[in-house]
Amino acid sequence: MSTEIYDNFPGRSFSTYDLLDEVTEKYGLDRREAHESIHAFLGQIVDIDGDGVILKREPVNPALLQSNDRDLDIRYWLTISDETADTIRDSFAAVYEIA
């Protein structure tokens, strides 16, 4: 199984996703803090286990990518394993108190 998260593009808007909703509700965080924390924890996992923990990157708007393939502002859905998502959940539990 796998989990999808929205990519991190600091200072820009982002779409909601299940893991984000889960941690905002459980820990009482605002969406921005939760999203950035998810990516901070994911970054740590990537540092340890390598880029392979991100199983797939799919553009949010594939048509935009096709018509403007040099645009660096393309946003992506990232697919990670459920095991990686569980590690992120464990990281939240170690750092934040349940609301």
PDB file of N, CA and C in Angstrom:
ATOM      1  N   MET A   1       0.842  -1.185   0.000  1.00  0.00           N
ATOM      2  CA  MET A   1       0.000   0.000   0.000  1.00  0.00           C
ATOM      3  C   MET A   1       0.884   1.244   0.000  1.00  0.00           C
ATOM      4  N   SER A   2       0.253   2.369  -0.279  1.00  0.00           N
ATOM      5  CA  SER A   2       1.017   3.608  -0.353  1.00  0.00           C
ATOM      6  C   SER A   2       0.173   4.788   0.124  1.00  0.00           C
ATOM      7  N   THR A   3       0.861   5.884   0.347  1.00  0.00           N
ATOM      8  CA  THR A   3       0.260   7.116   0.843  1.00  0.00           C
ATOM      9  C   THR A   3       0.709   8.252  -0.063  1.00  0.00           C
ATOM     10  N   GLU A   4      -0.212   9.147  -0.413  1.00  0.00           N
ATOM     11  CA  GLU A   4       0.134  10.312  -1.219  1.00  0.00           C
ATOM     12  C   GLU A   4       0.197  11.555  -0.346  1.00  0.00           C
ATOM     13  N   ILE A   5       1.227  12.349  -0.586  1.00  0.00           N
ATOM     14  CA  ILE A   5       1.346  13.647   0.068  1.00  0.00           C
ATOM     15  C   ILE A   5       1.652  14.689  -0.998  1.00  0.00           C
ATOM     16  N   TYR A   6       1.308  15.921  -0.703  1.00  0.00           N
ATOM     17  CA  TYR A   6       1.577  17.021  -1.627  1.00  0.00           C
ATOM     18  C   TYR A   6       3.013  17.469  -1.435  1.00  0.00           C
ATOM     19  N   ASP A   7       3.699  17.840  -2.503  1.00  0.00           N
ATOM     20  CA  ASP A   7       5.096  18.258  -2.379  1.00  0.00           C
ATOM     21  C   ASP A   7       5.211  19.524  -1.539  1.00  0.00           C
ATOM     22  N   ASN A   8       6.426  19.816  -1.154  1.00  0.00           N
ATOM     23  CA  ASN A   8       6.670  20.994  -0.329  1.00  0.00           C
ATOM     24  C   ASN A   8       7.332  22.066  -1.170  1.00  0.00           C
ATOM     25  N   PHE A   9       6.677  23.195  -1.268  1.00  0.00           N
ATOM     26  CA  PHE A   9       7.179  24.331  -2.013  1.00  0.00           C
ATOM     27  C   PHE A   9       7.037  25.516  -1.056  1.00  0.00           C
ATOM     28  N   PRO A  10       8.075  25.778  -0.242  1.00  0.00           N
ATOM     29  CA  PRO A  10       7.962  26.757   0.841  1.00  0.00           C
ATOM     30  C   PRO A  10       7.326  28.082   0.410  1.00  0.00           C
ATOM     31  N   GLY A  11       6.410  28.528   1.243  1.00  0.00           N
ATOM     32  CA  GLY A  11       5.745  29.801   1.011  1.00  0.00           C
ATOM     33  C   GLY A  11       4.599  29.755   0.026  1.00  0.00           C
ATOM     34  N   ARG A  12       4.330  28.602  -0.555  1.00  0.00           N
ATOM     35  CA  ARG A  12       3.263  28.477  -1.547  1.00  0.00           C
ATOM     36  C   ARG A  12       2.110  27.682  -0.953  1.00  0.00           C
ATOM     37  N   SER A  13       0.957  27.791  -1.583  1.00  0.00           N
ATOM     38  CA  SER A  13      -0.212  27.042  -1.129  1.00  0.00           C
ATOM     39  C   SER A  13      -0.013  25.559  -1.422  1.00  0.00           C
ATOM     40  N   PHE A  14      -0.809  24.747  -0.780  1.00  0.00           N
ATOM     41  CA  PHE A  14      -0.728  23.303  -0.982  1.00  0.00           C
ATOM     42  C   PHE A  14      -2.105  22.704  -0.808  1.00  0.00           C
ATOM     43  N   SER A  15      -2.307  21.572  -1.420  1.00  0.00           N
ATOM     44  CA  SER A  15      -3.590  20.871  -1.328  1.00  0.00           C
ATOM     45  C   SER A  15      -3.615  20.009  -0.073  1.00  0.00           C
ATOM     46  N   THR A  16      -4.798  19.694   0.346  1.00  0.00           N
ATOM     47  CA  THR A  16      -4.956  18.833   1.504  1.00  0.00           C
ATOM     48  C   THR A  16      -4.722  17.377   1.095  1.00  0.00           C
ATOM     49  N   TYR A  17      -4.358  16.573   2.061  1.00  0.00           N
ATOM     50  CA  TYR A  17      -4.170  15.139   1.844  1.00  0.00           C
ATOM     51  C   TYR A  17      -4.401  14.441   3.177  1.00  0.00           C
ATOM     52  N   ASP A  18      -4.653  13.151   3.122  1.00  0.00           N
ATOM     53  CA  ASP A  18      -5.096  12.413   4.307  1.00  0.00           C
ATOM     54  C   ASP A  18      -4.131  12.509   5.484  1.00  0.00           C
ATOM     55  N   LEU A  19      -2.843  12.319   5.245  1.00  0.00           N
ATOM     56  CA  LEU A  19      -1.876  12.371   6.343  1.00  0.00           C
ATOM     57  C   LEU A  19      -1.858  13.761   6.978  1.00  0.00           C
ATOM     58  N   LEU A  20      -1.975  14.792   6.176  1.00  0.00           N
ATOM     59  CA  LEU A  20      -2.033  16.163   6.691  1.00  0.00           C
ATOM     60  C   LEU A  20      -3.252  16.343   7.581  1.00  0.00           C
ATOM     61  N   ASP A  21      -4.405  15.921   7.106  1.00  0.00           N
ATOM     62  CA  ASP A  21      -5.627  16.034   7.907  1.00  0.00           C
ATOM     63  C   ASP A  21      -5.497  15.266   9.220  1.00  0.00           C
ATOM     64  N   GLU A  22      -4.903  14.093   9.133  1.00  0.00           N
ATOM     65  CA  GLU A  22      -4.735  13.245  10.322  1.00  0.00           C
ATOM     66  C   GLU A  22      -3.894  13.925  11.397  1.00  0.00           C
ATOM     67  N   VAL A  23      -2.741  14.467  11.015  1.00  0.00           N
ATOM     68  CA  VAL A  23      -1.871  15.059  12.035  1.00  0.00           C
ATOM     69  C   VAL A  23      -2.364  16.411  12.517  1.00  0.00           C
ATOM     70  N   THR A  24      -3.034  17.180  11.670  1.00  0.00           N
ATOM     71  CA  THR A  24      -3.579  18.455  12.154  1.00  0.00           C
ATOM     72  C   THR A  24      -4.653  18.202  13.203  1.00  0.00           C
ATOM     73  N   GLU A  25      -5.475  17.211  12.952  1.00  0.00           N
ATOM     74  CA  GLU A  25      -6.537  16.891  13.911  1.00  0.00           C
ATOM     75  C   GLU A  25      -5.976  16.292  15.195  1.00  0.00           C
ATOM     76  N   LYS A  26      -5.056  15.370  15.066  1.00  0.00           N
ATOM     77  CA  LYS A  26      -4.535  14.658  16.238  1.00  0.00           C
ATOM     78  C   LYS A  26      -3.696  15.548  17.144  1.00  0.00           C
ATOM     79  N   TYR A  27      -2.891  16.443  16.537  1.00  0.00           N
ATOM     80  CA  TYR A  27      -1.961  17.241  17.326  1.00  0.00           C
ATOM     81  C   TYR A  27      -2.352  18.711  17.435  1.00  0.00           C
ATOM     82  N   GLY A  28      -3.460  19.092  16.823  1.00  0.00           N
ATOM     83  CA  GLY A  28      -3.944  20.467  16.930  1.00  0.00           C
ATOM     84  C   GLY A  28      -3.044  21.484  16.252  1.00  0.00           C
ATOM     85  N   LEU A  29      -2.323  21.054  15.227  1.00  0.00           N
ATOM     86  CA  LEU A  29      -1.425  21.945  14.501  1.00  0.00           C
ATOM     87  C   LEU A  29      -2.163  22.660  13.387  1.00  0.00           C
ATOM     88  N   ASP A  30      -1.658  23.823  12.992  1.00  0.00           N
ATOM     89  CA  ASP A  30      -2.242  24.434  11.799  1.00  0.00           C
ATOM     90  C   ASP A  30      -1.700  23.690  10.580  1.00  0.00           C
ATOM     91  N   ARG A  31      -2.379  23.856   9.472  1.00  0.00           N
ATOM     92  CA  ARG A  31      -2.049  23.090   8.265  1.00  0.00           C
ATOM     93  C   ARG A  31      -0.611  23.351   7.791  1.00  0.00           C
ATOM     94  N   ARG A  32      -0.165  24.572   7.828  1.00  0.00           N
ATOM     95  CA  ARG A  32       1.185  24.903   7.356  1.00  0.00           C
ATOM     96  C   ARG A  32       2.238  24.207   8.222  1.00  0.00           C
ATOM     97  N   GLU A  33       2.110  24.312   9.542  1.00  0.00           N
ATOM     98  CA  GLU A  33       3.087  23.679  10.424  1.00  0.00           C
ATOM     99  C   GLU A  33       3.096  22.163  10.237  1.00  0.00           C
ATOM    100  N   ALA A  34       1.918  21.569  10.117  1.00  0.00           N
ATOM    101  CA  ALA A  34       1.834  20.118   9.931  1.00  0.00           C
ATOM    102  C   ALA A  34       2.471  19.705   8.599  1.00  0.00           C
ATOM    103  N   HIS A  35       2.158  20.425   7.536  1.00  0.00           N
ATOM    104  CA  HIS A  35       2.702  20.111   6.214  1.00  0.00           C
ATOM    105  C   HIS A  35       4.233  20.222   6.216  1.00  0.00           C
ATOM    106  N   GLU A  36       4.751  21.296   6.778  1.00  0.00           N
ATOM    107  CA  GLU A  36       6.198  21.473   6.814  1.00  0.00           C
ATOM    108  C   GLU A  36       6.872  20.432   7.703  1.00  0.00           C
ATOM    109  N   SER A  37       6.207  20.034   8.781  1.00  0.00           N
ATOM    110  CA  SER A  37       6.758  18.993   9.649  1.00  0.00           C
ATOM    111  C   SER A  37       6.776  17.639   8.939  1.00  0.00           C
ATOM    112  N   ILE A  38       5.716  17.339   8.208  1.00  0.00           N
ATOM    113  CA  ILE A  38       5.690  16.095   7.435  1.00  0.00           C
ATOM    114  C   ILE A  38       6.900  16.051   6.507  1.00  0.00           C
ATOM    115  N   HIS A  39       7.172  17.156   5.843  1.00  0.00           N
ATOM    116  CA  HIS A  39       8.299  17.181   4.909  1.00  0.00           C
ATOM    117  C   HIS A  39       9.650  17.211   5.617  1.00  0.00           C
ATOM    118  N   ALA A  40       9.707  17.790   6.799  1.00  0.00           N
ATOM    119  CA  ALA A  40      10.954  17.741   7.571  1.00  0.00           C
ATOM    120  C   ALA A  40      11.247  16.296   7.967  1.00  0.00           C
ATOM    121  N   PHE A  41      10.216  15.595   8.446  1.00  0.00           N
ATOM    122  CA  PHE A  41      10.406  14.192   8.817  1.00  0.00           C
ATOM    123  C   PHE A  41      10.725  13.341   7.588  1.00  0.00           C
ATOM    124  N   LEU A  42      10.038  13.594   6.477  1.00  0.00           N
ATOM    125  CA  LEU A  42      10.326  12.872   5.242  1.00  0.00           C
ATOM    126  C   LEU A  42      11.766  13.127   4.799  1.00  0.00           C
ATOM    127  N   GLY A  43      12.220  14.350   4.914  1.00  0.00           N
ATOM    128  CA  GLY A  43      13.599  14.680   4.561  1.00  0.00           C
ATOM    129  C   GLY A  43      14.611  13.899   5.381  1.00  0.00           C
ATOM    130  N   GLN A  44      14.326  13.713   6.657  1.00  0.00           N
ATOM    131  CA  GLN A  44      15.208  12.920   7.506  1.00  0.00           C
ATOM    132  C   GLN A  44      15.242  11.464   7.052  1.00  0.00           C
ATOM    133  N   ILE A  45      14.073  10.944   6.690  1.00  0.00           N
ATOM    134  CA  ILE A  45      13.998   9.562   6.214  1.00  0.00           C
ATOM    135  C   ILE A  45      14.782   9.419   4.909  1.00  0.00           C
ATOM    136  N   VAL A  46      14.634  10.378   4.008  1.00  0.00           N
ATOM    137  CA  VAL A  46      15.379  10.355   2.739  1.00  0.00           C
ATOM    138  C   VAL A  46      16.886  10.411   3.011  1.00  0.00           C
ATOM    139  N   ASP A  47      17.294  11.234   3.974  1.00  0.00           N
ATOM    140  CA  ASP A  47      18.714  11.326   4.311  1.00  0.00           C
ATOM    141  C   ASP A  47      19.273   9.974   4.765  1.00  0.00           C
ATOM    142  N   ILE A  48      18.462   9.212   5.478  1.00  0.00           N
ATOM    143  CA  ILE A  48      18.905   7.916   6.007  1.00  0.00           C
ATOM    144  C   ILE A  48      18.767   6.816   4.965  1.00  0.00           C
ATOM    145  N   ASP A  49      17.602   6.743   4.323  1.00  0.00           N
ATOM    146  CA  ASP A  49      17.284   5.605   3.452  1.00  0.00           C
ATOM    147  C   ASP A  49      17.434   5.891   1.960  1.00  0.00           C
ATOM    148  N   GLY A  50      17.630   7.144   1.596  1.00  0.00           N
ATOM    149  CA  GLY A  50      17.804   7.493   0.186  1.00  0.00           C
ATOM    150  C   GLY A  50      16.507   7.925  -0.475  1.00  0.00           C
ATOM    151  N   ASP A  51      16.646   8.432  -1.702  1.00  0.00           N
ATOM    152  CA  ASP A  51      15.510   8.960  -2.463  1.00  0.00           C
ATOM    153  C   ASP A  51      14.473   7.910  -2.811  1.00  0.00           C
ATOM    154  N   GLY A  52      14.820   6.642  -2.699  1.00  0.00           N
ATOM    155  CA  GLY A  52      13.893   5.562  -3.042  1.00  0.00           C
ATOM    156  C   GLY A  52      12.666   5.496  -2.157  1.00  0.00           C
ATOM    157  N   VAL A  53      12.664   6.216  -1.025  1.00  0.00           N
ATOM    158  CA  VAL A  53      11.464   6.197  -0.176  1.00  0.00           C
ATOM    159  C   VAL A  53      10.310   6.943  -0.853  1.00  0.00           C
ATOM    160  N   ILE A  54      10.648   7.820  -1.795  1.00  0.00           N
ATOM    161  CA  ILE A  54       9.596   8.457  -2.596  1.00  0.00           C
ATOM    162  C   ILE A  54       9.385   7.561  -3.806  1.00  0.00           C
ATOM    163  N   LEU A  55       8.292   6.839  -3.782  1.00  0.00           N
ATOM    164  CA  LEU A  55       8.032   5.804  -4.774  1.00  0.00           C
ATOM    165  C   LEU A  55       7.650   6.369  -6.137  1.00  0.00           C
ATOM    166  N   LYS A  56       6.967   7.513  -6.120  1.00  0.00           N
ATOM    167  CA  LYS A  56       6.482   8.082  -7.379  1.00  0.00           C
ATOM    168  C   LYS A  56       6.245   9.571  -7.196  1.00  0.00           C
ATOM    169  N   ARG A  57       6.480  10.319  -8.261  1.00  0.00           N
ATOM    170  CA  ARG A  57       6.177  11.758  -8.306  1.00  0.00           C
ATOM    171  C   ARG A  57       5.284  11.979  -9.512  1.00  0.00           C
ATOM    172  N   GLU A  58       4.075  12.436  -9.263  1.00  0.00           N
ATOM    173  CA  GLU A  58       3.139  12.707 -10.353  1.00  0.00           C
ATOM    174  C   GLU A  58       2.759  14.173 -10.333  1.00  0.00           C
ATOM    175  N   PRO A  59       2.840  14.840 -11.477  1.00  0.00           N
ATOM    176  CA  PRO A  59       2.456  16.253 -11.503  1.00  0.00           C
ATOM    177  C   PRO A  59       0.977  16.425 -11.154  1.00  0.00           C
ATOM    178  N   VAL A  60       0.698  17.465 -10.405  1.00  0.00           N
ATOM    179  CA  VAL A  60      -0.689  17.769 -10.039  1.00  0.00           C
ATOM    180  C   VAL A  60      -1.506  18.047 -11.293  1.00  0.00           C
ATOM    181  N   ASN A  61      -0.906  18.759 -12.229  1.00  0.00           N
ATOM    182  CA  ASN A  61      -1.576  19.100 -13.473  1.00  0.00           C
ATOM    183  C   ASN A  61      -0.708  18.640 -14.650  1.00  0.00           C
ATOM    184  N   PRO A  62      -0.847  17.381 -15.069  1.00  0.00           N
ATOM    185  CA  PRO A  62       0.008  16.851 -16.143  1.00  0.00           C
ATOM    186  C   PRO A  62      -0.065  17.653 -17.437  1.00  0.00           C
ATOM    187  N   ALA A  63      -1.212  18.225 -17.744  1.00  0.00           N
ATOM    188  CA  ALA A  63      -1.347  19.002 -18.985  1.00  0.00           C
ATOM    189  C   ALA A  63      -0.450  20.232 -18.947  1.00  0.00           C
ATOM    190  N   LEU A  64      -0.333  20.857 -17.793  1.00  0.00           N
ATOM    191  CA  LEU A  64       0.545  22.020 -17.659  1.00  0.00           C
ATOM    192  C   LEU A  64       1.992  21.613 -17.900  1.00  0.00           C
ATOM    193  N   LEU A  65       2.383  20.468 -17.388  1.00  0.00           N
ATOM    194  CA  LEU A  65       3.746  19.998 -17.571  1.00  0.00           C
ATOM    195  C   LEU A  65       4.036  19.733 -19.047  1.00  0.00           C
ATOM    196  N   GLN A  66       3.069  19.191 -19.756  1.00  0.00           N
ATOM    197  CA  GLN A  66       3.271  18.901 -21.172  1.00  0.00           C
ATOM    198  C   GLN A  66       3.394  20.178 -21.995  1.00  0.00           C
ATOM    199  N   SER A  67       2.619  21.191 -21.646  1.00  0.00           N
ATOM    200  CA  SER A  67       2.639  22.414 -22.441  1.00  0.00           C
ATOM    201  C   SER A  67       3.731  23.386 -22.003  1.00  0.00           C
ATOM    202  N   ASN A  68       4.305  23.157 -20.840  1.00  0.00           N
ATOM    203  CA  ASN A  68       5.311  24.072 -20.315  1.00  0.00           C
ATOM    204  C   ASN A  68       6.361  23.276 -19.552  1.00  0.00           C
ATOM    205  N   ASP A  69       7.070  22.403 -20.236  1.00  0.00           N
ATOM    206  CA  ASP A  69       7.964  21.455 -19.588  1.00  0.00           C
ATOM    207  C   ASP A  69       9.197  22.077 -18.930  1.00  0.00           C
ATOM    208  N   ARG A  70       9.463  23.333 -19.182  1.00  0.00           N
ATOM    209  CA  ARG A  70      10.607  23.994 -18.550  1.00  0.00           C
ATOM    210  C   ARG A  70      10.217  24.774 -17.293  1.00  0.00           C
ATOM    211  N   ASP A  71       8.958  24.759 -16.949  1.00  0.00           N
ATOM    212  CA  ASP A  71       8.469  25.480 -15.774  1.00  0.00           C
ATOM    213  C   ASP A  71       8.955  24.783 -14.508  1.00  0.00           C
ATOM    214  N   LEU A  72       9.642  25.510 -13.660  1.00  0.00           N
ATOM    215  CA  LEU A  72      10.142  24.955 -12.409  1.00  0.00           C
ATOM    216  C   LEU A  72       9.100  25.007 -11.300  1.00  0.00           C
ATOM    217  N   ASP A  73       7.957  25.593 -11.589  1.00  0.00           N
ATOM    218  CA  ASP A  73       6.914  25.774 -10.586  1.00  0.00           C
ATOM    219  C   ASP A  73       5.838  24.690 -10.684  1.00  0.00           C
ATOM    220  N   ILE A  74       6.167  23.548 -11.241  1.00  0.00           N
ATOM    221  CA  ILE A  74       5.219  22.440 -11.345  1.00  0.00           C
ATOM    222  C   ILE A  74       5.135  21.756  -9.986  1.00  0.00           C
ATOM    223  N   ARG A  75       3.925  21.529  -9.534  1.00  0.00           N
ATOM    224  CA  ARG A  75       3.696  20.894  -8.245  1.00  0.00           C
ATOM    225  C   ARG A  75       3.439  19.408  -8.445  1.00  0.00           C
ATOM    226  N   TYR A  76       3.788  18.605  -7.432  1.00  0.00           N
ATOM    227  CA  TYR A  76       3.707  17.152  -7.554  1.00  0.00           C
ATOM    228  C   TYR A  76       3.001  16.523  -6.368  1.00  0.00           C
ATOM    229  N   TRP A  77       2.339  15.402  -6.657  1.00  0.00           N
ATOM    230  CA  TRP A  77       1.894  14.481  -5.628  1.00  0.00           C
ATOM    231  C   TRP A  77       3.021  13.471  -5.455  1.00  0.00           C
ATOM    232  N   LEU A  78       3.447  13.251  -4.223  1.00  0.00           N
ATOM    233  CA  LEU A  78       4.491  12.291  -3.918  1.00  0.00           C
ATOM    234  C   LEU A  78       3.851  11.053  -3.319  1.00  0.00           C
ATOM    235  N   THR A  79       4.250   9.897  -3.788  1.00  0.00           N
ATOM    236  CA  THR A  79       3.758   8.643  -3.243  1.00  0.00           C
ATOM    237  C   THR A  79       4.868   8.037  -2.395  1.00  0.00           C
ATOM    238  N   ILE A  80       4.521   7.738  -1.137  1.00  0.00           N
ATOM    239  CA  ILE A  80       5.455   7.089  -0.217  1.00  0.00           C
ATOM    240  C   ILE A  80       4.797   5.803   0.271  1.00  0.00           C
ATOM    241  N   SER A  81       5.594   4.891   0.767  1.00  0.00           N
ATOM    242  CA  SER A  81       5.025   3.645   1.284  1.00  0.00           C
ATOM    243  C   SER A  81       4.283   3.919   2.588  1.00  0.00           C
ATOM    244  N   ASP A  82       3.376   3.034   2.923  1.00  0.00           N
ATOM    245  CA  ASP A  82       2.683   3.163   4.204  1.00  0.00           C
ATOM    246  C   ASP A  82       3.678   3.038   5.360  1.00  0.00           C
ATOM    247  N   GLU A  83       4.729   2.259   5.162  1.00  0.00           N
ATOM    248  CA  GLU A  83       5.769   2.141   6.188  1.00  0.00           C
ATOM    249  C   GLU A  83       6.449   3.496   6.425  1.00  0.00           C
ATOM    250  N   THR A  84       6.744   4.217   5.362  1.00  0.00           N
ATOM    251  CA  THR A  84       7.332   5.547   5.498  1.00  0.00           C
ATOM    252  C   THR A  84       6.345   6.493   6.181  1.00  0.00           C
ATOM    253  N   ALA A  85       5.064   6.411   5.814  1.00  0.00           N
ATOM    254  CA  ALA A  85       4.041   7.242   6.461  1.00  0.00           C
ATOM    255  C   ALA A  85       3.957   6.914   7.953  1.00  0.00           C
ATOM    256  N   ASP A  86       4.079   5.643   8.298  1.00  0.00           N
ATOM    257  CA  ASP A  86       4.055   5.254   9.714  1.00  0.00           C
ATOM    258  C   ASP A  86       5.269   5.811  10.463  1.00  0.00           C
ATOM    259  N   THR A  87       6.405   5.847   9.804  1.00  0.00           N
ATOM    260  CA  THR A  87       7.603   6.440  10.422  1.00  0.00           C
ATOM    261  C   THR A  87       7.381   7.929  10.665  1.00  0.00           C
ATOM    262  N   ILE A  88       6.730   8.593   9.731  1.00  0.00           N
ATOM    263  CA  ILE A  88       6.394  10.010   9.919  1.00  0.00           C
ATOM    264  C   ILE A  88       5.433  10.161  11.098  1.00  0.00           C
ATOM    265  N   ARG A  89       4.446   9.289  11.191  1.00  0.00           N
ATOM    266  CA  ARG A  89       3.514   9.330  12.333  1.00  0.00           C
ATOM    267  C   ARG A  89       4.269   9.134  13.654  1.00  0.00           C
ATOM    268  N   ASP A  90       5.198   8.185  13.669  1.00  0.00           N
ATOM    269  CA  ASP A  90       5.999   7.947  14.874  1.00  0.00           C
ATOM    270  C   ASP A  90       6.815   9.183  15.233  1.00  0.00           C
ATOM    271  N   SER A  91       7.321   9.887  14.229  1.00  0.00           N
ATOM    272  CA  SER A  91       8.091  11.106  14.474  1.00  0.00           C
ATOM    273  C   SER A  91       7.214  12.188  15.099  1.00  0.00           C
ATOM    274  N   PHE A  92       5.991  12.322  14.601  1.00  0.00           N
ATOM    275  CA  PHE A  92       5.055  13.271  15.208  1.00  0.00           C
ATOM    276  C   PHE A  92       4.797  12.914  16.672  1.00  0.00           C
ATOM    277  N   ALA A  93       4.591  11.628  16.929  1.00  0.00           N
ATOM    278  CA  ALA A  93       4.288  11.176  18.299  1.00  0.00           C
ATOM    279  C   ALA A  93       5.467  11.480  19.238  1.00  0.00           C
ATOM    280  N   ALA A  94       6.686  11.432  18.710  1.00  0.00           N
ATOM    281  CA  ALA A  94       7.875  11.687  19.521  1.00  0.00           C
ATOM    282  C   ALA A  94       8.091  13.170  19.793  1.00  0.00           C
ATOM    283  N   VAL A  95       7.548  14.031  18.926  1.00  0.00           N
ATOM    284  CA  VAL A  95       7.819  15.469  19.018  1.00  0.00           C
ATOM    285  C   VAL A  95       6.643  16.272  19.559  1.00  0.00           C
ATOM    286  N   TYR A  96       5.430  15.891  19.187  1.00  0.00           N
ATOM    287  CA  TYR A  96       4.235  16.677  19.528  1.00  0.00           C
ATOM    288  C   TYR A  96       3.360  15.941  20.539  1.00  0.00           C
ATOM    289  N   GLU A  97       2.631  16.744  21.312  1.00  0.00           N
ATOM    290  CA  GLU A  97       1.652  16.181  22.240  1.00  0.00           C
ATOM    291  C   GLU A  97       0.295  16.115  21.548  1.00  0.00           C
ATOM    292  N   ILE A  98      -0.458  15.072  21.854  1.00  0.00           N
ATOM    293  CA  ILE A  98      -1.796  14.922  21.300  1.00  0.00           C
ATOM    294  C   ILE A  98      -2.676  16.031  21.849  1.00  0.00           C
ATOM    295  N   ALA A  99      -3.444  16.637  20.972  1.00  0.00           N
ATOM    296  CA  ALA A  99      -4.314  17.764  21.358  1.00  0.00           C
ATOM    297  C   ALA A  99      -5.501  17.288  22.172  1.00  0.00           C
TER     298      ALA A  99
END
